[in-house]
N, C-alpha and C. Protein backbone atom coordinates (compact mmCIF):
# COMPACT_ATOMS: atom_id res chain seq x y z
N MET A 1 6.30 -50.06 -0.44
CA MET A 1 5.61 -51.27 -0.35
C MET A 1 6.45 -52.41 -0.67
N SER A 2 7.54 -52.18 -0.83
CA SER A 2 8.44 -53.10 -1.35
C SER A 2 8.59 -54.33 -0.54
N LYS A 3 8.59 -55.39 -1.26
CA LYS A 3 8.91 -56.63 -0.59
C LYS A 3 9.99 -57.27 -1.42
N THR A 4 11.06 -57.65 -0.80
CA THR A 4 12.16 -58.22 -1.53
C THR A 4 12.57 -59.52 -0.90
N PRO A 5 13.11 -60.44 -1.68
CA PRO A 5 13.45 -61.72 -1.16
C PRO A 5 14.73 -61.67 -0.39
N ASN A 6 15.67 -60.85 -0.86
CA ASN A 6 16.97 -60.81 -0.23
C ASN A 6 17.12 -59.49 0.50
N SER A 7 16.95 -58.39 -0.23
CA SER A 7 17.35 -57.13 0.30
C SER A 7 16.72 -56.80 1.58
N SER A 8 15.52 -57.17 1.84
CA SER A 8 14.98 -56.89 3.14
C SER A 8 14.19 -58.03 3.68
N ARG A 9 14.02 -59.06 2.89
CA ARG A 9 13.10 -60.07 3.31
C ARG A 9 13.74 -61.42 3.58
N HIS A 10 15.08 -61.52 3.51
CA HIS A 10 15.64 -62.86 3.67
C HIS A 10 15.50 -63.37 5.09
N HIS A 11 15.04 -62.54 6.01
CA HIS A 11 14.80 -62.99 7.37
C HIS A 11 13.38 -63.56 7.52
N ASP A 12 12.56 -63.42 6.49
CA ASP A 12 11.17 -63.86 6.55
C ASP A 12 11.02 -65.23 5.91
N ALA A 13 9.79 -65.74 5.99
CA ALA A 13 9.49 -67.02 5.36
C ALA A 13 8.91 -66.82 3.96
N HIS A 14 8.88 -65.58 3.50
CA HIS A 14 8.32 -65.29 2.18
C HIS A 14 9.19 -65.87 1.06
N ASP A 15 8.54 -66.22 -0.03
CA ASP A 15 9.26 -66.74 -1.19
C ASP A 15 9.14 -65.72 -2.31
N TRP A 16 10.01 -64.73 -2.28
CA TRP A 16 9.92 -63.64 -3.25
C TRP A 16 10.43 -64.04 -4.63
N HIS A 17 10.92 -65.26 -4.78
CA HIS A 17 11.34 -65.73 -6.10
C HIS A 17 10.19 -66.43 -6.83
N SER A 18 9.09 -66.69 -6.13
CA SER A 18 7.97 -67.42 -6.71
C SER A 18 6.95 -66.48 -7.34
N PRO A 19 6.69 -66.60 -8.64
CA PRO A 19 5.70 -65.75 -9.30
C PRO A 19 4.32 -65.86 -8.65
N ASP A 20 3.90 -67.07 -8.32
CA ASP A 20 2.58 -67.26 -7.71
C ASP A 20 2.52 -66.61 -6.33
N TYR A 21 3.57 -66.79 -5.56
CA TYR A 21 3.58 -66.20 -4.22
C TYR A 21 3.55 -64.68 -4.29
N VAL A 22 4.36 -64.10 -5.16
CA VAL A 22 4.43 -62.65 -5.30
C VAL A 22 3.08 -62.10 -5.75
N ALA A 23 2.45 -62.75 -6.71
CA ALA A 23 1.14 -62.29 -7.19
C ALA A 23 0.10 -62.35 -6.07
N HIS A 24 0.11 -63.43 -5.31
CA HIS A 24 -0.84 -63.59 -4.21
C HIS A 24 -0.58 -62.55 -3.12
N TRP A 25 0.67 -62.32 -2.81
CA TRP A 25 1.02 -61.34 -1.79
C TRP A 25 0.57 -59.94 -2.22
N ALA A 26 0.83 -59.60 -3.48
CA ALA A 26 0.46 -58.26 -3.96
C ALA A 26 -1.04 -58.04 -3.90
N GLU A 27 -1.81 -59.07 -4.22
CA GLU A 27 -3.27 -58.95 -4.14
C GLU A 27 -3.70 -58.66 -2.70
N GLY A 28 -3.00 -59.22 -1.75
CA GLY A 28 -3.31 -58.97 -0.36
C GLY A 28 -2.95 -57.56 0.08
N GLN A 29 -1.98 -56.96 -0.60
CA GLN A 29 -1.58 -55.59 -0.27
C GLN A 29 -2.51 -54.54 -0.86
N ASP A 30 -3.16 -54.86 -1.95
CA ASP A 30 -3.97 -53.86 -2.65
C ASP A 30 -4.98 -53.16 -1.75
N PRO A 31 -5.73 -53.86 -0.89
CA PRO A 31 -6.70 -53.17 -0.04
C PRO A 31 -6.05 -52.20 0.94
N LYS A 32 -4.77 -52.40 1.23
CA LYS A 32 -4.08 -51.54 2.19
C LYS A 32 -3.63 -50.21 1.58
N GLU A 33 -3.66 -50.14 0.24
CA GLU A 33 -3.16 -48.93 -0.42
C GLU A 33 -3.97 -47.70 -0.06
N VAL A 34 -5.25 -47.86 0.20
CA VAL A 34 -6.10 -46.71 0.53
C VAL A 34 -5.58 -46.01 1.78
N GLY A 35 -5.17 -46.78 2.77
CA GLY A 35 -4.67 -46.21 4.01
C GLY A 35 -3.30 -45.58 3.88
N ARG A 36 -2.64 -45.80 2.76
CA ARG A 36 -1.30 -45.24 2.56
C ARG A 36 -1.32 -43.96 1.73
N GLN A 37 -2.49 -43.57 1.24
CA GLN A 37 -2.56 -42.40 0.38
C GLN A 37 -2.19 -41.12 1.11
N GLU A 38 -2.59 -40.99 2.38
CA GLU A 38 -2.27 -39.77 3.12
C GLU A 38 -0.77 -39.61 3.35
N PRO A 39 -0.06 -40.62 3.87
CA PRO A 39 1.39 -40.44 3.99
C PRO A 39 2.08 -40.31 2.64
N PHE A 40 1.57 -40.97 1.61
CA PHE A 40 2.15 -40.80 0.28
C PHE A 40 1.99 -39.35 -0.19
N ARG A 41 0.81 -38.79 0.01
CA ARG A 41 0.56 -37.40 -0.40
C ARG A 41 1.50 -36.46 0.36
N LEU A 42 1.63 -36.68 1.66
CA LEU A 42 2.51 -35.84 2.46
C LEU A 42 3.96 -35.99 2.02
N MET A 43 4.35 -37.22 1.68
CA MET A 43 5.71 -37.44 1.19
C MET A 43 5.95 -36.64 -0.08
N ALA A 44 5.01 -36.69 -1.01
CA ALA A 44 5.15 -35.96 -2.27
C ALA A 44 5.28 -34.46 -2.01
N GLU A 45 4.49 -33.95 -1.08
CA GLU A 45 4.51 -32.52 -0.80
C GLU A 45 5.75 -32.11 -0.02
N THR A 46 6.38 -33.06 0.67
CA THR A 46 7.58 -32.76 1.46
C THR A 46 8.84 -32.77 0.62
N ILE A 47 8.83 -33.50 -0.48
CA ILE A 47 9.99 -33.50 -1.39
C ILE A 47 10.21 -32.06 -1.85
N PRO A 48 11.41 -31.51 -1.64
CA PRO A 48 11.64 -30.07 -1.81
C PRO A 48 11.78 -29.59 -3.26
N TYR A 49 10.84 -29.99 -4.11
CA TYR A 49 10.85 -29.55 -5.50
C TYR A 49 9.42 -29.34 -5.97
N GLY A 50 9.24 -28.46 -6.95
CA GLY A 50 7.93 -28.20 -7.50
C GLY A 50 7.41 -29.36 -8.32
N LYS A 51 6.10 -29.39 -8.52
CA LYS A 51 5.46 -30.51 -9.22
C LYS A 51 5.89 -30.63 -10.67
N GLU A 52 6.38 -29.54 -11.27
CA GLU A 52 6.80 -29.58 -12.66
C GLU A 52 8.29 -29.86 -12.82
N HIS A 53 9.01 -29.88 -11.70
CA HIS A 53 10.46 -30.08 -11.76
C HIS A 53 10.77 -31.51 -12.22
N PRO A 54 11.75 -31.68 -13.09
CA PRO A 54 12.11 -33.02 -13.58
C PRO A 54 12.94 -33.80 -12.54
N VAL A 55 12.32 -34.08 -11.41
CA VAL A 55 13.04 -34.77 -10.34
C VAL A 55 13.34 -36.21 -10.74
N ARG A 56 14.46 -36.67 -10.24
CA ARG A 56 14.85 -38.07 -10.42
C ARG A 56 14.72 -38.73 -9.07
N ILE A 57 13.91 -39.80 -9.00
CA ILE A 57 13.55 -40.43 -7.74
C ILE A 57 14.14 -41.83 -7.67
N LEU A 58 14.65 -42.18 -6.49
CA LEU A 58 15.06 -43.56 -6.21
C LEU A 58 14.10 -44.11 -5.17
N ASP A 59 13.40 -45.18 -5.52
CA ASP A 59 12.48 -45.85 -4.60
C ASP A 59 13.17 -47.11 -4.08
N VAL A 60 13.56 -47.09 -2.81
CA VAL A 60 14.34 -48.17 -2.21
C VAL A 60 13.40 -49.26 -1.70
N GLY A 61 13.60 -50.47 -2.20
CA GLY A 61 12.69 -51.56 -1.85
C GLY A 61 11.32 -51.31 -2.47
N ALA A 62 11.30 -51.02 -3.75
CA ALA A 62 10.10 -50.51 -4.41
C ALA A 62 8.98 -51.52 -4.57
N GLY A 63 9.30 -52.81 -4.53
CA GLY A 63 8.26 -53.79 -4.73
C GLY A 63 7.59 -53.63 -6.09
N TYR A 64 6.27 -53.70 -6.09
CA TYR A 64 5.54 -53.57 -7.37
C TYR A 64 5.28 -52.12 -7.76
N GLY A 65 5.83 -51.17 -6.99
CA GLY A 65 5.86 -49.78 -7.44
C GLY A 65 4.71 -48.89 -7.01
N ALA A 66 4.02 -49.21 -5.94
CA ALA A 66 2.88 -48.38 -5.53
C ALA A 66 3.32 -46.95 -5.21
N LEU A 67 4.42 -46.79 -4.48
CA LEU A 67 4.89 -45.44 -4.15
C LEU A 67 5.42 -44.74 -5.39
N THR A 68 6.18 -45.45 -6.21
CA THR A 68 6.67 -44.87 -7.46
C THR A 68 5.53 -44.35 -8.31
N GLN A 69 4.50 -45.16 -8.45
CA GLN A 69 3.35 -44.77 -9.27
C GLN A 69 2.71 -43.49 -8.72
N PHE A 70 2.56 -43.40 -7.41
CA PHE A 70 1.97 -42.21 -6.80
C PHE A 70 2.84 -40.98 -7.08
N LEU A 71 4.14 -41.11 -6.86
CA LEU A 71 5.02 -39.95 -7.02
C LEU A 71 5.15 -39.51 -8.48
N LEU A 72 5.16 -40.44 -9.41
CA LEU A 72 5.22 -40.07 -10.82
C LEU A 72 3.92 -39.40 -11.26
N GLY A 73 2.84 -39.70 -10.57
CA GLY A 73 1.58 -39.00 -10.83
C GLY A 73 1.61 -37.58 -10.29
N HIS A 74 2.30 -37.38 -9.19
CA HIS A 74 2.39 -36.05 -8.57
C HIS A 74 3.36 -35.16 -9.32
N PHE A 75 4.54 -35.72 -9.65
CA PHE A 75 5.57 -34.97 -10.38
C PHE A 75 5.50 -35.35 -11.86
N SER A 76 4.88 -34.49 -12.63
CA SER A 76 4.55 -34.83 -14.03
C SER A 76 5.77 -35.05 -14.91
N ASN A 77 6.91 -34.48 -14.55
CA ASN A 77 8.11 -34.62 -15.38
C ASN A 77 9.19 -35.47 -14.70
N ALA A 78 8.81 -36.20 -13.67
CA ALA A 78 9.77 -36.99 -12.92
C ALA A 78 10.05 -38.33 -13.59
N SER A 79 11.19 -38.92 -13.21
CA SER A 79 11.52 -40.30 -13.59
C SER A 79 11.97 -41.01 -12.32
N ALA A 80 11.94 -42.33 -12.35
CA ALA A 80 12.24 -43.09 -11.13
C ALA A 80 13.08 -44.32 -11.43
N VAL A 81 13.92 -44.65 -10.47
CA VAL A 81 14.63 -45.92 -10.44
C VAL A 81 14.07 -46.70 -9.26
N CYS A 82 13.58 -47.90 -9.53
CA CYS A 82 13.01 -48.75 -8.49
C CYS A 82 14.04 -49.81 -8.12
N GLN A 83 14.50 -49.77 -6.89
CA GLN A 83 15.44 -50.79 -6.40
C GLN A 83 14.65 -51.86 -5.67
N ASP A 84 14.93 -53.11 -5.96
CA ASP A 84 14.31 -54.21 -5.24
C ASP A 84 15.19 -55.44 -5.37
N GLY A 85 14.96 -56.42 -4.51
CA GLY A 85 15.74 -57.64 -4.55
C GLY A 85 15.07 -58.78 -5.29
N SER A 86 13.84 -58.57 -5.75
CA SER A 86 13.06 -59.64 -6.37
C SER A 86 12.78 -59.36 -7.84
N ARG A 87 13.25 -60.23 -8.70
CA ARG A 87 12.97 -60.08 -10.12
C ARG A 87 11.48 -60.29 -10.41
N GLU A 88 10.85 -61.17 -9.64
CA GLU A 88 9.42 -61.39 -9.83
C GLU A 88 8.62 -60.14 -9.45
N MET A 89 9.04 -59.46 -8.40
CA MET A 89 8.38 -58.23 -8.01
C MET A 89 8.58 -57.15 -9.08
N ALA A 90 9.78 -57.11 -9.65
CA ALA A 90 10.05 -56.15 -10.72
C ALA A 90 9.17 -56.43 -11.94
N LYS A 91 8.99 -57.70 -12.27
CA LYS A 91 8.10 -58.05 -13.39
C LYS A 91 6.69 -57.56 -13.12
N LEU A 92 6.23 -57.75 -11.88
CA LEU A 92 4.89 -57.29 -11.52
C LEU A 92 4.82 -55.77 -11.60
N GLY A 93 5.88 -55.10 -11.17
CA GLY A 93 5.91 -53.65 -11.26
C GLY A 93 5.84 -53.15 -12.69
N HIS A 94 6.58 -53.78 -13.58
CA HIS A 94 6.51 -53.40 -15.00
C HIS A 94 5.10 -53.58 -15.54
N GLU A 95 4.44 -54.63 -15.11
CA GLU A 95 3.08 -54.89 -15.58
C GLU A 95 2.10 -53.85 -15.03
N ARG A 96 2.21 -53.56 -13.74
CA ARG A 96 1.27 -52.64 -13.10
C ARG A 96 1.50 -51.19 -13.50
N MET A 97 2.71 -50.86 -13.90
CA MET A 97 3.01 -49.47 -14.28
C MET A 97 3.27 -49.32 -15.77
N LYS A 98 2.65 -50.18 -16.56
CA LYS A 98 2.89 -50.11 -18.00
C LYS A 98 2.46 -48.78 -18.61
N ASN A 99 1.51 -48.09 -17.95
CA ASN A 99 1.10 -46.77 -18.44
C ASN A 99 2.18 -45.72 -18.19
N LEU A 100 3.18 -46.05 -17.40
CA LEU A 100 4.29 -45.13 -17.11
C LEU A 100 5.58 -45.57 -17.79
N LYS A 101 5.47 -46.46 -18.74
CA LYS A 101 6.65 -46.99 -19.43
C LYS A 101 7.51 -45.85 -19.96
N GLY A 102 8.82 -45.96 -19.73
CA GLY A 102 9.75 -44.93 -20.16
C GLY A 102 10.10 -43.95 -19.06
N ARG A 103 9.33 -43.97 -17.98
CA ARG A 103 9.58 -43.04 -16.87
C ARG A 103 10.20 -43.74 -15.66
N PHE A 104 10.35 -45.05 -15.72
CA PHE A 104 10.92 -45.77 -14.59
C PHE A 104 11.68 -46.99 -15.09
N ASP A 105 12.56 -47.48 -14.24
CA ASP A 105 13.26 -48.73 -14.52
C ASP A 105 13.59 -49.39 -13.18
N TYR A 106 13.89 -50.67 -13.22
CA TYR A 106 14.24 -51.42 -12.02
C TYR A 106 15.73 -51.74 -11.99
N VAL A 107 16.28 -51.71 -10.79
CA VAL A 107 17.63 -52.21 -10.54
C VAL A 107 17.51 -53.27 -9.45
N ILE A 108 17.97 -54.47 -9.75
CA ILE A 108 17.86 -55.57 -8.80
C ILE A 108 19.16 -55.69 -8.00
N CYS A 109 19.05 -55.45 -6.70
CA CYS A 109 20.20 -55.60 -5.80
C CYS A 109 19.67 -55.74 -4.38
N ASP A 110 20.54 -56.21 -3.50
CA ASP A 110 20.18 -56.57 -2.14
C ASP A 110 20.67 -55.51 -1.17
N PHE A 111 19.75 -54.67 -0.66
CA PHE A 111 20.20 -53.57 0.17
C PHE A 111 20.63 -53.98 1.58
N SER A 112 20.53 -55.25 1.90
CA SER A 112 21.04 -55.70 3.20
C SER A 112 22.53 -56.03 3.14
N ARG A 113 23.10 -56.00 1.94
CA ARG A 113 24.51 -56.36 1.78
C ARG A 113 25.35 -55.11 1.51
N PRO A 114 26.46 -54.94 2.19
CA PRO A 114 27.32 -53.78 1.98
C PRO A 114 27.69 -53.62 0.51
N GLY A 115 27.69 -52.39 0.05
CA GLY A 115 28.06 -52.10 -1.33
C GLY A 115 26.91 -52.13 -2.32
N TRP A 116 25.69 -52.41 -1.83
CA TRP A 116 24.53 -52.50 -2.74
C TRP A 116 24.32 -51.22 -3.54
N SER A 117 24.67 -50.07 -2.96
CA SER A 117 24.40 -48.79 -3.63
C SER A 117 25.26 -48.57 -4.86
N GLN A 118 26.31 -49.37 -5.02
CA GLN A 118 27.17 -49.21 -6.19
C GLN A 118 26.45 -49.55 -7.49
N ASP A 119 25.35 -50.29 -7.39
CA ASP A 119 24.58 -50.65 -8.58
C ASP A 119 23.66 -49.53 -9.05
N LEU A 120 23.61 -48.43 -8.29
CA LEU A 120 22.68 -47.35 -8.59
C LEU A 120 23.44 -46.12 -9.08
N LYS A 121 22.91 -45.49 -10.10
CA LYS A 121 23.56 -44.33 -10.71
C LYS A 121 22.93 -43.06 -10.17
N GLY A 122 23.49 -42.54 -9.09
CA GLY A 122 23.00 -41.31 -8.50
C GLY A 122 23.71 -40.10 -9.11
N PRO A 123 23.45 -38.91 -8.54
CA PRO A 123 22.58 -38.70 -7.39
C PRO A 123 21.13 -38.51 -7.82
N PHE A 124 20.24 -38.54 -6.82
CA PHE A 124 18.80 -38.37 -7.03
C PHE A 124 18.31 -37.18 -6.21
N GLU A 125 17.36 -36.44 -6.77
CA GLU A 125 16.77 -35.34 -6.00
C GLU A 125 15.99 -35.87 -4.80
N ALA A 126 15.40 -37.05 -4.96
CA ALA A 126 14.62 -37.63 -3.87
C ALA A 126 14.90 -39.13 -3.78
N VAL A 127 15.23 -39.59 -2.59
CA VAL A 127 15.32 -41.02 -2.30
C VAL A 127 14.21 -41.32 -1.32
N VAL A 128 13.39 -42.32 -1.63
CA VAL A 128 12.22 -42.64 -0.83
C VAL A 128 12.15 -44.13 -0.56
N SER A 129 11.35 -44.50 0.44
CA SER A 129 11.13 -45.91 0.72
C SER A 129 9.80 -46.05 1.45
N SER A 130 9.15 -47.19 1.26
CA SER A 130 7.85 -47.42 1.89
C SER A 130 7.72 -48.86 2.37
N ILE A 131 7.55 -49.01 3.66
CA ILE A 131 7.30 -50.32 4.29
C ILE A 131 8.30 -51.37 3.79
N ALA A 132 9.57 -51.04 3.87
CA ALA A 132 10.59 -51.93 3.34
C ALA A 132 11.76 -52.14 4.28
N ILE A 133 12.40 -51.05 4.67
CA ILE A 133 13.69 -51.16 5.36
C ILE A 133 13.57 -51.86 6.71
N HIS A 134 12.44 -51.70 7.40
CA HIS A 134 12.30 -52.31 8.73
C HIS A 134 12.43 -53.83 8.68
N ASN A 135 12.13 -54.42 7.53
CA ASN A 135 12.14 -55.88 7.44
C ASN A 135 13.54 -56.48 7.53
N VAL A 136 14.55 -55.66 7.38
CA VAL A 136 15.91 -56.16 7.58
C VAL A 136 16.07 -56.60 9.03
N ARG A 137 15.42 -55.87 9.93
CA ARG A 137 15.35 -56.19 11.36
C ARG A 137 16.63 -55.95 12.14
N ALA A 138 17.77 -56.23 11.58
CA ALA A 138 19.03 -56.03 12.30
C ALA A 138 19.39 -54.55 12.32
N PRO A 139 19.43 -53.93 13.51
CA PRO A 139 19.69 -52.49 13.60
C PRO A 139 20.98 -52.06 12.91
N ASP A 140 22.05 -52.85 13.02
CA ASP A 140 23.31 -52.44 12.41
C ASP A 140 23.20 -52.40 10.89
N ILE A 141 22.41 -53.29 10.31
CA ILE A 141 22.23 -53.29 8.85
C ILE A 141 21.40 -52.09 8.43
N ILE A 142 20.35 -51.78 9.16
CA ILE A 142 19.52 -50.61 8.83
C ILE A 142 20.37 -49.35 8.92
N ARG A 143 21.18 -49.26 9.95
CA ARG A 143 22.07 -48.11 10.11
C ARG A 143 22.98 -47.96 8.90
N ASN A 144 23.52 -49.07 8.42
CA ASN A 144 24.40 -49.03 7.25
C ASN A 144 23.65 -48.70 5.97
N ILE A 145 22.39 -49.12 5.87
CA ILE A 145 21.58 -48.75 4.71
C ILE A 145 21.48 -47.24 4.62
N TYR A 146 21.21 -46.59 5.74
CA TYR A 146 21.12 -45.13 5.75
C TYR A 146 22.44 -44.48 5.36
N LYS A 147 23.55 -45.07 5.79
CA LYS A 147 24.86 -44.52 5.43
C LYS A 147 25.09 -44.62 3.93
N GLU A 148 24.68 -45.74 3.35
CA GLU A 148 24.88 -45.91 1.91
C GLU A 148 23.92 -45.06 1.09
N LEU A 149 22.79 -44.72 1.68
CA LEU A 149 21.82 -43.89 0.97
C LEU A 149 22.30 -42.45 0.81
N PHE A 150 23.00 -41.95 1.81
CA PHE A 150 23.34 -40.53 1.83
C PHE A 150 24.04 -40.05 0.56
N PRO A 151 25.09 -40.74 0.08
CA PRO A 151 25.76 -40.26 -1.13
C PRO A 151 24.88 -40.30 -2.38
N LEU A 152 23.78 -41.04 -2.33
CA LEU A 152 22.89 -41.12 -3.48
C LEU A 152 21.97 -39.92 -3.60
N VAL A 153 21.91 -39.11 -2.54
CA VAL A 153 21.01 -37.95 -2.53
C VAL A 153 21.75 -36.72 -3.05
N LYS A 154 21.15 -36.04 -3.97
CA LYS A 154 21.72 -34.83 -4.53
C LYS A 154 21.68 -33.70 -3.49
N SER A 155 22.68 -32.86 -3.49
CA SER A 155 22.68 -31.70 -2.60
C SER A 155 21.42 -30.87 -2.85
N GLY A 156 20.68 -30.59 -1.79
CA GLY A 156 19.41 -29.89 -1.92
C GLY A 156 18.22 -30.83 -1.93
N GLY A 157 18.50 -32.12 -2.04
CA GLY A 157 17.44 -33.13 -2.04
C GLY A 157 17.29 -33.78 -0.68
N GLY A 158 16.52 -34.85 -0.63
CA GLY A 158 16.28 -35.47 0.66
C GLY A 158 15.91 -36.93 0.57
N PHE A 159 15.86 -37.55 1.74
CA PHE A 159 15.44 -38.94 1.90
C PHE A 159 14.22 -38.97 2.80
N LEU A 160 13.19 -39.70 2.37
CA LEU A 160 11.96 -39.84 3.14
C LEU A 160 11.59 -41.31 3.23
N ASN A 161 11.30 -41.74 4.45
CA ASN A 161 11.00 -43.15 4.70
C ASN A 161 9.66 -43.28 5.41
N PHE A 162 8.72 -43.96 4.78
CA PHE A 162 7.44 -44.30 5.41
C PHE A 162 7.54 -45.75 5.83
N ASP A 163 7.57 -46.00 7.15
CA ASP A 163 7.88 -47.36 7.58
C ASP A 163 7.36 -47.61 8.99
N ARG A 164 7.43 -48.85 9.39
CA ARG A 164 7.12 -49.22 10.76
C ARG A 164 8.22 -48.68 11.67
N MET A 165 7.89 -48.48 12.93
CA MET A 165 8.84 -47.90 13.87
C MET A 165 9.61 -48.97 14.64
N HIS A 166 10.20 -49.89 13.87
CA HIS A 166 11.06 -50.92 14.42
C HIS A 166 12.32 -50.98 13.58
N PRO A 167 13.47 -50.61 14.10
CA PRO A 167 13.78 -50.14 15.45
C PRO A 167 13.05 -48.84 15.79
N PRO A 168 13.12 -48.42 17.06
CA PRO A 168 12.41 -47.21 17.48
C PRO A 168 12.74 -46.01 16.60
N LEU A 169 11.72 -45.18 16.39
CA LEU A 169 11.85 -44.02 15.50
C LEU A 169 13.00 -43.11 15.92
N GLU A 170 13.13 -42.86 17.21
CA GLU A 170 14.17 -41.95 17.68
C GLU A 170 15.57 -42.46 17.30
N GLU A 171 15.77 -43.76 17.39
CA GLU A 171 17.07 -44.33 17.01
C GLU A 171 17.32 -44.16 15.52
N GLN A 172 16.29 -44.42 14.72
CA GLN A 172 16.47 -44.31 13.27
C GLN A 172 16.76 -42.87 12.85
N MET A 173 16.13 -41.92 13.51
CA MET A 173 16.39 -40.52 13.18
C MET A 173 17.82 -40.13 13.56
N GLU A 174 18.34 -40.70 14.64
CA GLU A 174 19.73 -40.46 15.00
C GLU A 174 20.67 -41.06 13.97
N TRP A 175 20.31 -42.22 13.45
CA TRP A 175 21.16 -42.85 12.42
C TRP A 175 21.19 -42.01 11.15
N LEU A 176 20.07 -41.39 10.83
CA LEU A 176 20.05 -40.51 9.66
C LEU A 176 20.98 -39.32 9.86
N LYS A 177 20.98 -38.77 11.06
CA LYS A 177 21.89 -37.66 11.36
C LYS A 177 23.34 -38.12 11.27
N GLU A 178 23.61 -39.29 11.79
CA GLU A 178 24.98 -39.84 11.72
C GLU A 178 25.42 -40.02 10.27
N ALA A 179 24.46 -40.40 9.42
CA ALA A 179 24.78 -40.62 8.00
C ALA A 179 25.11 -39.33 7.28
N GLY A 180 24.67 -38.18 7.84
CA GLY A 180 24.96 -36.90 7.23
C GLY A 180 23.74 -36.06 6.91
N PHE A 181 22.54 -36.61 7.11
CA PHE A 181 21.33 -35.85 6.80
C PHE A 181 21.10 -34.75 7.84
N GLU A 182 20.53 -33.64 7.38
CA GLU A 182 20.23 -32.52 8.25
C GLU A 182 18.73 -32.26 8.26
N ASN A 183 18.31 -31.44 9.23
CA ASN A 183 16.88 -31.14 9.40
C ASN A 183 16.06 -32.42 9.48
N VAL A 184 16.59 -33.42 10.16
CA VAL A 184 15.90 -34.70 10.29
C VAL A 184 14.68 -34.52 11.20
N LYS A 185 13.54 -35.00 10.73
CA LYS A 185 12.32 -34.87 11.53
C LYS A 185 11.29 -35.92 11.14
N CYS A 186 10.30 -36.05 11.99
CA CYS A 186 9.15 -36.91 11.71
C CYS A 186 8.04 -36.02 11.17
N PHE A 187 7.50 -36.38 10.01
CA PHE A 187 6.48 -35.57 9.36
C PHE A 187 5.06 -36.08 9.60
N TRP A 188 4.94 -37.33 9.98
CA TRP A 188 3.62 -37.97 10.17
C TRP A 188 3.82 -39.23 10.98
N LYS A 189 2.85 -39.52 11.84
CA LYS A 189 2.98 -40.72 12.66
C LYS A 189 1.61 -41.25 13.01
N SER A 190 1.47 -42.57 12.93
CA SER A 190 0.27 -43.25 13.40
C SER A 190 0.67 -44.13 14.57
N GLU A 191 -0.16 -45.07 14.92
CA GLU A 191 0.15 -45.93 16.06
C GLU A 191 1.40 -46.76 15.84
N ASP A 192 1.62 -47.23 14.60
CA ASP A 192 2.76 -48.11 14.38
C ASP A 192 3.61 -47.76 13.18
N ARG A 193 3.33 -46.62 12.51
CA ARG A 193 4.09 -46.24 11.34
C ARG A 193 4.42 -44.76 11.38
N ALA A 194 5.44 -44.38 10.66
CA ALA A 194 5.84 -42.97 10.64
C ALA A 194 6.45 -42.61 9.29
N LEU A 195 6.36 -41.34 8.97
CA LEU A 195 7.03 -40.78 7.80
C LEU A 195 8.11 -39.84 8.34
N PHE A 196 9.35 -40.16 8.06
CA PHE A 196 10.45 -39.37 8.60
C PHE A 196 11.57 -39.28 7.57
N GLY A 197 12.47 -38.34 7.78
CA GLY A 197 13.58 -38.21 6.85
C GLY A 197 14.36 -36.94 7.09
N GLY A 198 15.24 -36.62 6.12
CA GLY A 198 16.08 -35.44 6.26
C GLY A 198 16.61 -35.00 4.92
N LEU A 199 17.33 -33.89 4.95
CA LEU A 199 17.86 -33.28 3.73
C LEU A 199 19.38 -33.45 3.64
N ARG A 200 19.86 -33.41 2.42
CA ARG A 200 21.30 -33.28 2.20
C ARG A 200 21.56 -31.85 1.77
N ILE A 201 22.18 -31.09 2.63
CA ILE A 201 22.39 -29.67 2.37
C ILE A 201 23.58 -29.46 1.44
């Protein structure tokens, strides 16, 4: 659900540095969370680890943490790093996930800029993202995001992306293969969104 001012949103008219704007935007997203529960559930079940395993999760473009919150509820011993470009969004995430304090933290960096992954301490058993990466819009940047993600995934782990199909899903799946991911597939698809990803063997 992530919305970031720089990392994926600098092409938009959104003001992700404004506390009032971020709060208002998040309130508008809340009703949409119900429709995201099914792909979130499938994402949790597709992550190749048991529910009791102490998985370490990276949520790319985490926003206020809706996906992180869901996954930490599914994996009782998991911890998460939430990457986002907006400090205001991170503040909102800390507030909304205060019941999970100690199990997550935020790293502020801009995933549209080369080298952003250097700010993250991998590897992670699971790297995930929700309604975030497509907002970069530039295909070459999205392709490079996938390349930078690959080294962050632990061998035996995977990357799962729930997002709009812009650029086309087939192209994005090819980019994941180019980045090094294997068994790349689409796990769920609606009219305009899909859950897809692959493993690092």
